[in-house]
Amino acid sequence: MSFEAQSCPSCGAPVRKYRNPFPTVDIIIELQDGIVLIERRNPPYGWALPGGFVDYGESLETAAVREAREETSLEISNLRLLGCYSDPRRDERMHTISTVYMADGHGQLQAADDADNAQIFRLEALPEKLCFDHASILEDYARLKRTRAND
């Protein structure tokens, strides 16, 4: 457990200030024989899976549905867990832990909110610049797809 001491603004007594990782979600949205990636409006710039921070009082699944809708204008269904990614270096801004889902997309793809652009990509033709650890996440996804195809 990591914490620092800070002073109480009322009495000056030392108070523990905890530093915890921030929970996030990312969604691999399957649409038209490809997956949806967004081009980020804010740093770090580049292509990424739709996703973002989990709001206080929100479940991971609800956050995934919300983030998908906010960034891609798509509704998602058939939410399935791919895995959790927790390398403290996965996001250069802060320590985040991402729960990554796979889902089916429905509707008209349109970039919104934190996304400047949204496009469908085949796994064999992903953009070169992927943010965070999304290249590694997509390698895990591709491996899972290959394994299921061979079963």
N, C-alpha and C. Protein backbone atom coordinates (compact mmCIF):
# COMPACT_ATOMS: atom_id res chain seq x y z
N MET A 1 0.85 -1.16 0.00
CA MET A 1 0.00 0.00 0.00
C MET A 1 0.90 1.23 0.00
N SER A 2 0.62 2.15 -0.89
CA SER A 2 1.44 3.34 -1.00
C SER A 2 0.64 4.55 -0.52
N PHE A 3 1.25 5.30 0.38
CA PHE A 3 0.59 6.52 0.82
C PHE A 3 1.65 7.53 1.21
N GLU A 4 1.23 8.77 1.24
CA GLU A 4 2.07 9.86 1.70
C GLU A 4 1.32 10.56 2.82
N ALA A 5 2.03 11.23 3.68
CA ALA A 5 1.38 11.99 4.74
C ALA A 5 1.13 13.41 4.24
N GLN A 6 -0.01 13.94 4.63
CA GLN A 6 -0.31 15.34 4.38
C GLN A 6 -0.93 15.88 5.66
N SER A 7 -1.05 17.17 5.76
CA SER A 7 -1.59 17.78 6.97
C SER A 7 -3.07 18.05 6.83
N CYS A 8 -3.81 17.81 7.91
CA CYS A 8 -5.23 18.13 7.96
C CYS A 8 -5.37 19.65 7.86
N PRO A 9 -6.21 20.14 6.97
CA PRO A 9 -6.34 21.59 6.83
C PRO A 9 -6.96 22.25 8.06
N SER A 10 -7.68 21.52 8.89
CA SER A 10 -8.31 22.11 10.08
C SER A 10 -7.39 22.13 11.29
N CYS A 11 -6.75 20.98 11.57
CA CYS A 11 -5.97 20.89 12.81
C CYS A 11 -4.48 20.71 12.61
N GLY A 12 -4.05 20.42 11.38
CA GLY A 12 -2.63 20.24 11.11
C GLY A 12 -2.08 18.86 11.40
N ALA A 13 -2.92 17.96 11.92
CA ALA A 13 -2.47 16.60 12.23
C ALA A 13 -2.13 15.86 10.94
N PRO A 14 -1.13 14.95 10.99
CA PRO A 14 -0.81 14.20 9.78
C PRO A 14 -1.95 13.25 9.39
N VAL A 15 -2.24 13.21 8.11
CA VAL A 15 -3.29 12.37 7.56
C VAL A 15 -2.68 11.60 6.40
N ARG A 16 -3.00 10.32 6.30
CA ARG A 16 -2.48 9.52 5.19
C ARG A 16 -3.17 9.91 3.90
N LYS A 17 -2.39 10.10 2.87
CA LYS A 17 -2.91 10.37 1.53
C LYS A 17 -2.55 9.14 0.68
N TYR A 18 -3.56 8.35 0.34
CA TYR A 18 -3.33 7.11 -0.39
C TYR A 18 -3.22 7.39 -1.88
N ARG A 19 -2.35 6.62 -2.53
CA ARG A 19 -2.21 6.68 -3.99
C ARG A 19 -2.56 5.31 -4.52
N ASN A 20 -3.64 5.25 -5.25
CA ASN A 20 -4.10 3.99 -5.82
C ASN A 20 -4.19 4.11 -7.33
N PRO A 21 -4.08 3.00 -8.03
CA PRO A 21 -4.27 3.04 -9.49
C PRO A 21 -5.71 3.44 -9.82
N PHE A 22 -5.89 4.00 -11.01
CA PHE A 22 -7.21 4.42 -11.47
C PHE A 22 -7.82 3.31 -12.33
N PRO A 23 -9.07 2.92 -12.05
CA PRO A 23 -9.71 1.90 -12.88
C PRO A 23 -10.21 2.47 -14.20
N THR A 24 -9.95 1.73 -15.27
CA THR A 24 -10.41 2.11 -16.60
C THR A 24 -10.99 0.89 -17.30
N VAL A 25 -11.67 1.14 -18.40
CA VAL A 25 -12.16 0.07 -19.26
C VAL A 25 -11.75 0.38 -20.69
N ASP A 26 -11.53 -0.65 -21.46
CA ASP A 26 -11.32 -0.55 -22.90
C ASP A 26 -12.21 -1.58 -23.55
N ILE A 27 -12.69 -1.27 -24.76
CA ILE A 27 -13.63 -2.16 -25.42
C ILE A 27 -13.16 -2.46 -26.83
N ILE A 28 -13.04 -3.74 -27.15
CA ILE A 28 -12.79 -4.17 -28.52
C ILE A 28 -14.17 -4.37 -29.14
N ILE A 29 -14.58 -3.40 -29.95
CA ILE A 29 -15.91 -3.45 -30.56
C ILE A 29 -15.78 -4.11 -31.93
N GLU A 30 -16.43 -5.25 -32.06
CA GLU A 30 -16.41 -5.99 -33.32
C GLU A 30 -17.55 -5.46 -34.20
N LEU A 31 -17.20 -5.02 -35.41
CA LEU A 31 -18.18 -4.42 -36.31
C LEU A 31 -17.74 -4.66 -37.75
N GLN A 32 -18.61 -5.19 -38.57
CA GLN A 32 -18.36 -5.40 -40.00
C GLN A 32 -17.03 -6.11 -40.27
N ASP A 33 -16.81 -7.24 -39.66
CA ASP A 33 -15.60 -8.05 -39.86
C ASP A 33 -14.31 -7.32 -39.49
N GLY A 34 -14.40 -6.36 -38.59
CA GLY A 34 -13.22 -5.66 -38.10
C GLY A 34 -13.45 -5.21 -36.67
N ILE A 35 -12.56 -4.35 -36.20
CA ILE A 35 -12.70 -3.77 -34.86
C ILE A 35 -12.64 -2.25 -34.97
N VAL A 36 -13.26 -1.59 -34.03
CA VAL A 36 -13.33 -0.14 -34.02
C VAL A 36 -12.16 0.42 -33.21
N LEU A 37 -11.45 1.36 -33.81
CA LEU A 37 -10.43 2.13 -33.10
C LEU A 37 -10.79 3.61 -33.22
N ILE A 38 -10.40 4.37 -32.21
CA ILE A 38 -10.61 5.82 -32.25
C ILE A 38 -9.26 6.52 -32.34
N GLU A 39 -9.26 7.65 -32.99
CA GLU A 39 -8.07 8.51 -33.00
C GLU A 39 -8.28 9.53 -31.89
N ARG A 40 -7.35 9.56 -30.93
CA ARG A 40 -7.52 10.36 -29.72
C ARG A 40 -7.43 11.86 -29.99
N ARG A 41 -8.33 12.60 -29.36
CA ARG A 41 -8.34 14.06 -29.45
C ARG A 41 -7.34 14.68 -28.48
N ASN A 42 -7.05 13.96 -27.38
CA ASN A 42 -6.18 14.48 -26.33
C ASN A 42 -4.93 13.61 -26.20
N PRO A 43 -3.85 14.18 -25.64
CA PRO A 43 -2.65 13.38 -25.45
C PRO A 43 -2.91 12.20 -24.51
N PRO A 44 -2.24 11.10 -24.74
CA PRO A 44 -1.32 10.83 -25.85
C PRO A 44 -2.09 10.60 -27.15
N TYR A 45 -1.58 11.20 -28.22
CA TYR A 45 -2.25 11.14 -29.52
C TYR A 45 -1.95 9.81 -30.21
N GLY A 46 -2.85 9.40 -31.05
CA GLY A 46 -2.71 8.18 -31.82
C GLY A 46 -4.01 7.41 -31.80
N TRP A 47 -3.97 6.20 -32.28
CA TRP A 47 -5.14 5.34 -32.35
C TRP A 47 -5.23 4.50 -31.08
N ALA A 48 -6.45 4.24 -30.65
CA ALA A 48 -6.67 3.51 -29.40
C ALA A 48 -8.00 2.78 -29.44
N LEU A 49 -8.13 1.82 -28.56
CA LEU A 49 -9.42 1.20 -28.33
C LEU A 49 -10.32 2.23 -27.65
N PRO A 50 -11.61 2.22 -27.94
CA PRO A 50 -12.51 3.09 -27.18
C PRO A 50 -12.46 2.69 -25.70
N GLY A 51 -12.52 3.67 -24.84
CA GLY A 51 -12.50 3.38 -23.41
C GLY A 51 -12.24 4.61 -22.60
N GLY A 52 -12.14 4.42 -21.29
CA GLY A 52 -11.89 5.55 -20.41
C GLY A 52 -12.03 5.17 -18.95
N PHE A 53 -12.11 6.19 -18.13
CA PHE A 53 -12.14 6.01 -16.68
C PHE A 53 -13.53 5.58 -16.21
N VAL A 54 -13.52 4.73 -15.18
CA VAL A 54 -14.75 4.30 -14.55
C VAL A 54 -15.17 5.39 -13.57
N ASP A 55 -16.43 5.82 -13.66
CA ASP A 55 -16.95 6.83 -12.74
C ASP A 55 -17.25 6.22 -11.38
N TYR A 56 -17.17 7.03 -10.34
CA TYR A 56 -17.49 6.58 -8.99
C TYR A 56 -18.94 6.08 -8.97
N GLY A 57 -19.17 4.90 -8.40
CA GLY A 57 -20.50 4.33 -8.31
C GLY A 57 -20.95 3.59 -9.56
N GLU A 58 -20.05 3.44 -10.52
CA GLU A 58 -20.38 2.80 -11.80
C GLU A 58 -19.71 1.43 -11.88
N SER A 59 -20.42 0.44 -12.39
CA SER A 59 -19.79 -0.87 -12.60
C SER A 59 -18.89 -0.82 -13.83
N LEU A 60 -17.99 -1.77 -13.92
CA LEU A 60 -17.11 -1.86 -15.10
C LEU A 60 -17.93 -2.04 -16.37
N GLU A 61 -18.94 -2.87 -16.31
CA GLU A 61 -19.77 -3.15 -17.50
C GLU A 61 -20.52 -1.90 -17.95
N THR A 62 -21.07 -1.16 -16.99
CA THR A 62 -21.78 0.08 -17.32
C THR A 62 -20.82 1.10 -17.91
N ALA A 63 -19.62 1.18 -17.36
CA ALA A 63 -18.61 2.10 -17.90
C ALA A 63 -18.25 1.74 -19.33
N ALA A 64 -18.14 0.45 -19.63
CA ALA A 64 -17.81 0.02 -20.99
C ALA A 64 -18.90 0.43 -21.97
N VAL A 65 -20.16 0.21 -21.60
CA VAL A 65 -21.28 0.60 -22.47
C VAL A 65 -21.27 2.12 -22.68
N ARG A 66 -21.08 2.87 -21.60
CA ARG A 66 -21.07 4.34 -21.68
C ARG A 66 -19.93 4.85 -22.55
N GLU A 67 -18.72 4.35 -22.30
CA GLU A 67 -17.56 4.82 -23.06
C GLU A 67 -17.69 4.48 -24.54
N ALA A 68 -18.19 3.28 -24.85
CA ALA A 68 -18.39 2.90 -26.25
C ALA A 68 -19.34 3.89 -26.93
N ARG A 69 -20.44 4.19 -26.27
CA ARG A 69 -21.43 5.11 -26.84
C ARG A 69 -20.85 6.52 -26.97
N GLU A 70 -20.15 6.99 -25.92
CA GLU A 70 -19.61 8.36 -25.93
C GLU A 70 -18.59 8.57 -27.04
N GLU A 71 -17.72 7.60 -27.27
CA GLU A 71 -16.62 7.80 -28.21
C GLU A 71 -16.91 7.34 -29.63
N THR A 72 -17.86 6.40 -29.80
CA THR A 72 -18.11 5.84 -31.13
C THR A 72 -19.54 6.00 -31.62
N SER A 73 -20.44 6.44 -30.74
CA SER A 73 -21.87 6.56 -31.02
C SER A 73 -22.53 5.20 -31.24
N LEU A 74 -21.84 4.11 -30.92
CA LEU A 74 -22.38 2.76 -31.09
C LEU A 74 -22.98 2.24 -29.79
N GLU A 75 -23.99 1.41 -29.93
CA GLU A 75 -24.48 0.61 -28.82
C GLU A 75 -23.72 -0.72 -28.89
N ILE A 76 -23.46 -1.31 -27.74
CA ILE A 76 -22.76 -2.59 -27.73
C ILE A 76 -23.59 -3.64 -27.01
N SER A 77 -23.36 -4.89 -27.40
CA SER A 77 -24.03 -6.02 -26.76
C SER A 77 -23.05 -7.18 -26.71
N ASN A 78 -23.47 -8.26 -26.04
CA ASN A 78 -22.65 -9.46 -25.94
C ASN A 78 -21.27 -9.14 -25.35
N LEU A 79 -21.28 -8.42 -24.25
CA LEU A 79 -20.05 -8.00 -23.56
C LEU A 79 -19.36 -9.22 -22.97
N ARG A 80 -18.08 -9.42 -23.34
CA ARG A 80 -17.27 -10.54 -22.85
C ARG A 80 -15.93 -10.01 -22.36
N LEU A 81 -15.45 -10.59 -21.29
CA LEU A 81 -14.18 -10.17 -20.70
C LEU A 81 -13.01 -10.76 -21.48
N LEU A 82 -12.07 -9.90 -21.90
CA LEU A 82 -10.82 -10.37 -22.48
C LEU A 82 -9.78 -10.54 -21.38
N GLY A 83 -9.62 -9.52 -20.53
CA GLY A 83 -8.63 -9.60 -19.46
C GLY A 83 -8.42 -8.27 -18.79
N CYS A 84 -7.53 -8.27 -17.81
CA CYS A 84 -7.17 -7.06 -17.07
C CYS A 84 -5.70 -6.76 -17.32
N TYR A 85 -5.39 -5.50 -17.49
CA TYR A 85 -4.04 -5.06 -17.83
C TYR A 85 -3.62 -4.02 -16.80
N SER A 86 -2.51 -4.32 -16.10
CA SER A 86 -2.17 -3.52 -14.93
C SER A 86 -0.73 -3.03 -14.87
N ASP A 87 0.03 -3.17 -15.93
CA ASP A 87 1.41 -2.68 -15.91
C ASP A 87 1.39 -1.20 -15.53
N PRO A 88 2.10 -0.80 -14.47
CA PRO A 88 2.09 0.60 -14.06
C PRO A 88 2.56 1.56 -15.16
N ARG A 89 3.25 1.05 -16.17
CA ARG A 89 3.74 1.90 -17.25
C ARG A 89 2.81 1.92 -18.46
N ARG A 90 1.63 1.29 -18.38
CA ARG A 90 0.74 1.18 -19.54
C ARG A 90 0.22 2.54 -19.99
N ASP A 91 0.13 3.50 -19.08
CA ASP A 91 -0.33 4.85 -19.39
C ASP A 91 0.69 5.82 -18.82
N GLU A 92 1.30 6.60 -19.69
CA GLU A 92 2.37 7.51 -19.25
C GLU A 92 1.88 8.60 -18.31
N ARG A 93 0.59 8.84 -18.26
CA ARG A 93 0.05 9.92 -17.42
C ARG A 93 -0.10 9.53 -15.97
N MET A 94 -0.43 8.24 -15.72
CA MET A 94 -0.70 7.78 -14.35
C MET A 94 -0.80 6.27 -14.36
N HIS A 95 -0.85 5.69 -13.18
CA HIS A 95 -1.01 4.23 -13.06
C HIS A 95 -2.49 3.90 -13.21
N THR A 96 -2.81 3.16 -14.26
CA THR A 96 -4.20 2.73 -14.49
C THR A 96 -4.25 1.21 -14.56
N ILE A 97 -5.41 0.68 -14.25
CA ILE A 97 -5.67 -0.74 -14.44
C ILE A 97 -6.89 -0.81 -15.35
N SER A 98 -6.72 -1.45 -16.50
CA SER A 98 -7.81 -1.53 -17.45
C SER A 98 -8.42 -2.93 -17.50
N THR A 99 -9.73 -2.96 -17.42
CA THR A 99 -10.49 -4.17 -17.68
C THR A 99 -10.94 -4.07 -19.13
N VAL A 100 -10.55 -5.05 -19.93
CA VAL A 100 -10.79 -5.00 -21.37
C VAL A 100 -11.89 -5.99 -21.74
N TYR A 101 -12.87 -5.46 -22.45
CA TYR A 101 -14.00 -6.26 -22.92
C TYR A 101 -13.99 -6.38 -24.43
N MET A 102 -14.68 -7.40 -24.91
CA MET A 102 -15.01 -7.56 -26.32
C MET A 102 -16.52 -7.42 -26.40
N ALA A 103 -17.01 -6.82 -27.50
CA ALA A 103 -18.46 -6.64 -27.64
C ALA A 103 -18.81 -6.52 -29.12
N ASP A 104 -20.09 -6.77 -29.41
CA ASP A 104 -20.61 -6.55 -30.75
C ASP A 104 -21.13 -5.12 -30.83
N GLY A 105 -20.81 -4.43 -31.93
CA GLY A 105 -21.26 -3.06 -32.11
C GLY A 105 -22.50 -2.99 -32.98
N HIS A 106 -23.36 -2.01 -32.69
CA HIS A 106 -24.60 -1.80 -33.44
C HIS A 106 -24.81 -0.30 -33.64
N GLY A 107 -25.22 0.08 -34.83
CA GLY A 107 -25.52 1.47 -35.09
C GLY A 107 -24.59 2.07 -36.11
N GLN A 108 -24.60 3.40 -36.18
CA GLN A 108 -23.79 4.15 -37.14
C GLN A 108 -22.53 4.65 -36.44
N LEU A 109 -21.37 4.19 -36.88
CA LEU A 109 -20.10 4.60 -36.28
C LEU A 109 -19.85 6.08 -36.56
N GLN A 110 -19.64 6.83 -35.48
CA GLN A 110 -19.32 8.25 -35.60
C GLN A 110 -18.49 8.66 -34.39
N ALA A 111 -17.35 9.28 -34.64
CA ALA A 111 -16.48 9.74 -33.55
C ALA A 111 -17.16 10.83 -32.76
N ALA A 112 -16.99 10.80 -31.44
CA ALA A 112 -17.55 11.83 -30.57
C ALA A 112 -16.71 11.90 -29.29
N ASP A 113 -17.02 12.86 -28.44
CA ASP A 113 -16.39 13.03 -27.14
C ASP A 113 -14.87 13.17 -27.28
N ASP A 114 -14.09 12.21 -26.77
CA ASP A 114 -12.63 12.29 -26.79
C ASP A 114 -12.02 11.79 -28.10
N ALA A 115 -12.85 11.42 -29.07
CA ALA A 115 -12.36 10.85 -30.32
C ALA A 115 -12.47 11.87 -31.46
N ASP A 116 -11.37 12.08 -32.16
CA ASP A 116 -11.39 12.92 -33.37
C ASP A 116 -11.85 12.14 -34.58
N ASN A 117 -11.64 10.83 -34.54
CA ASN A 117 -11.95 9.97 -35.68
C ASN A 117 -12.25 8.58 -35.13
N ALA A 118 -13.06 7.84 -35.85
CA ALA A 118 -13.35 6.45 -35.50
C ALA A 118 -13.44 5.67 -36.80
N GLN A 119 -12.74 4.54 -36.85
CA GLN A 119 -12.72 3.73 -38.06
C GLN A 119 -12.72 2.25 -37.70
N ILE A 120 -13.09 1.46 -38.69
CA ILE A 120 -13.05 0.00 -38.55
C ILE A 120 -11.75 -0.49 -39.19
N PHE A 121 -11.03 -1.33 -38.46
CA PHE A 121 -9.76 -1.89 -38.95
C PHE A 121 -9.82 -3.40 -38.89
N ARG A 122 -9.22 -4.05 -39.85
CA ARG A 122 -8.99 -5.49 -39.78
C ARG A 122 -7.75 -5.70 -38.92
N LEU A 123 -7.69 -6.82 -38.24
CA LEU A 123 -6.54 -7.10 -37.38
C LEU A 123 -5.23 -7.14 -38.16
N GLU A 124 -5.31 -7.52 -39.45
CA GLU A 124 -4.10 -7.59 -40.26
C GLU A 124 -3.66 -6.20 -40.76
N ALA A 125 -4.46 -5.18 -40.54
CA ALA A 125 -4.16 -3.85 -41.09
C ALA A 125 -4.38 -2.77 -40.04
N LEU A 126 -3.84 -2.97 -38.85
CA LEU A 126 -3.98 -1.98 -37.79
C LEU A 126 -3.07 -0.78 -38.04
N PRO A 127 -3.43 0.39 -37.56
CA PRO A 127 -2.54 1.54 -37.70
C PRO A 127 -1.23 1.31 -36.95
N GLU A 128 -0.19 1.95 -37.41
CA GLU A 128 1.13 1.76 -36.81
C GLU A 128 1.20 2.34 -35.40
N LYS A 129 0.61 3.50 -35.18
CA LYS A 129 0.71 4.18 -33.88
C LYS A 129 -0.51 3.88 -33.02
N LEU A 130 -0.36 2.90 -32.12
CA LEU A 130 -1.39 2.58 -31.15
C LEU A 130 -0.96 3.09 -29.79
N CYS A 131 -1.88 3.70 -29.06
CA CYS A 131 -1.58 4.28 -27.75
C CYS A 131 -1.55 3.22 -26.67
N PHE A 132 -0.98 3.63 -25.55
CA PHE A 132 -0.95 2.81 -24.34
C PHE A 132 -0.38 1.43 -24.65
N ASP A 133 -0.98 0.38 -24.12
CA ASP A 133 -0.55 -0.99 -24.37
C ASP A 133 -1.53 -1.70 -25.30
N HIS A 134 -2.21 -0.92 -26.14
CA HIS A 134 -3.27 -1.48 -26.97
C HIS A 134 -2.77 -2.44 -28.04
N ALA A 135 -1.53 -2.31 -28.48
CA ALA A 135 -0.97 -3.30 -29.41
C ALA A 135 -0.89 -4.67 -28.72
N SER A 136 -0.45 -4.69 -27.49
CA SER A 136 -0.35 -5.94 -26.73
C SER A 136 -1.74 -6.53 -26.47
N ILE A 137 -2.69 -5.68 -26.13
CA ILE A 137 -4.06 -6.13 -25.90
C ILE A 137 -4.61 -6.76 -27.18
N LEU A 138 -4.38 -6.11 -28.31
CA LEU A 138 -4.89 -6.64 -29.57
C LEU A 138 -4.17 -7.91 -30.00
N GLU A 139 -2.91 -8.09 -29.59
CA GLU A 139 -2.23 -9.37 -29.83
C GLU A 139 -2.92 -10.49 -29.04
N ASP A 140 -3.28 -10.20 -27.79
CA ASP A 140 -4.01 -11.19 -26.98
C ASP A 140 -5.36 -11.51 -27.61
N TYR A 141 -6.04 -10.49 -28.10
CA TYR A 141 -7.34 -10.67 -28.76
C TYR A 141 -7.19 -11.54 -30.01
N ALA A 142 -6.19 -11.24 -30.84
CA ALA A 142 -5.96 -12.01 -32.07
C ALA A 142 -5.64 -13.46 -31.73
N ARG A 143 -4.84 -13.68 -30.69
CA ARG A 143 -4.50 -15.05 -30.26
C ARG A 143 -5.76 -15.79 -29.84
N LEU A 144 -6.63 -15.12 -29.08
CA LEU A 144 -7.89 -15.74 -28.67
C LEU A 144 -8.76 -16.07 -29.87
N LYS A 145 -8.85 -15.19 -30.84
CA LYS A 145 -9.65 -15.44 -32.04
C LYS A 145 -9.11 -16.64 -32.82
N ARG A 146 -7.78 -16.74 -32.95
CA ARG A 146 -7.17 -17.86 -33.64
C ARG A 146 -7.46 -19.18 -32.91
N THR A 147 -7.34 -19.16 -31.58
CA THR A 147 -7.59 -20.36 -30.79
C THR A 147 -9.03 -20.82 -30.94
N ARG A 148 -9.97 -19.89 -30.92
CA ARG A 148 -11.39 -20.26 -31.05
C ARG A 148 -11.70 -20.74 -32.46
N ALA A 149 -11.02 -20.19 -33.45
CA ALA A 149 -11.24 -20.62 -34.84
C ALA A 149 -10.74 -22.05 -35.06
N ASN A 150 -9.71 -22.45 -34.29
CA ASN A 150 -9.14 -23.79 -34.44
C ASN A 150 -9.86 -24.83 -33.59
N ASP A 151 -10.76 -24.41 -32.72
CA ASP A 151 -11.50 -25.36 -31.86
C ASP A 151 -12.64 -26.01 -32.62
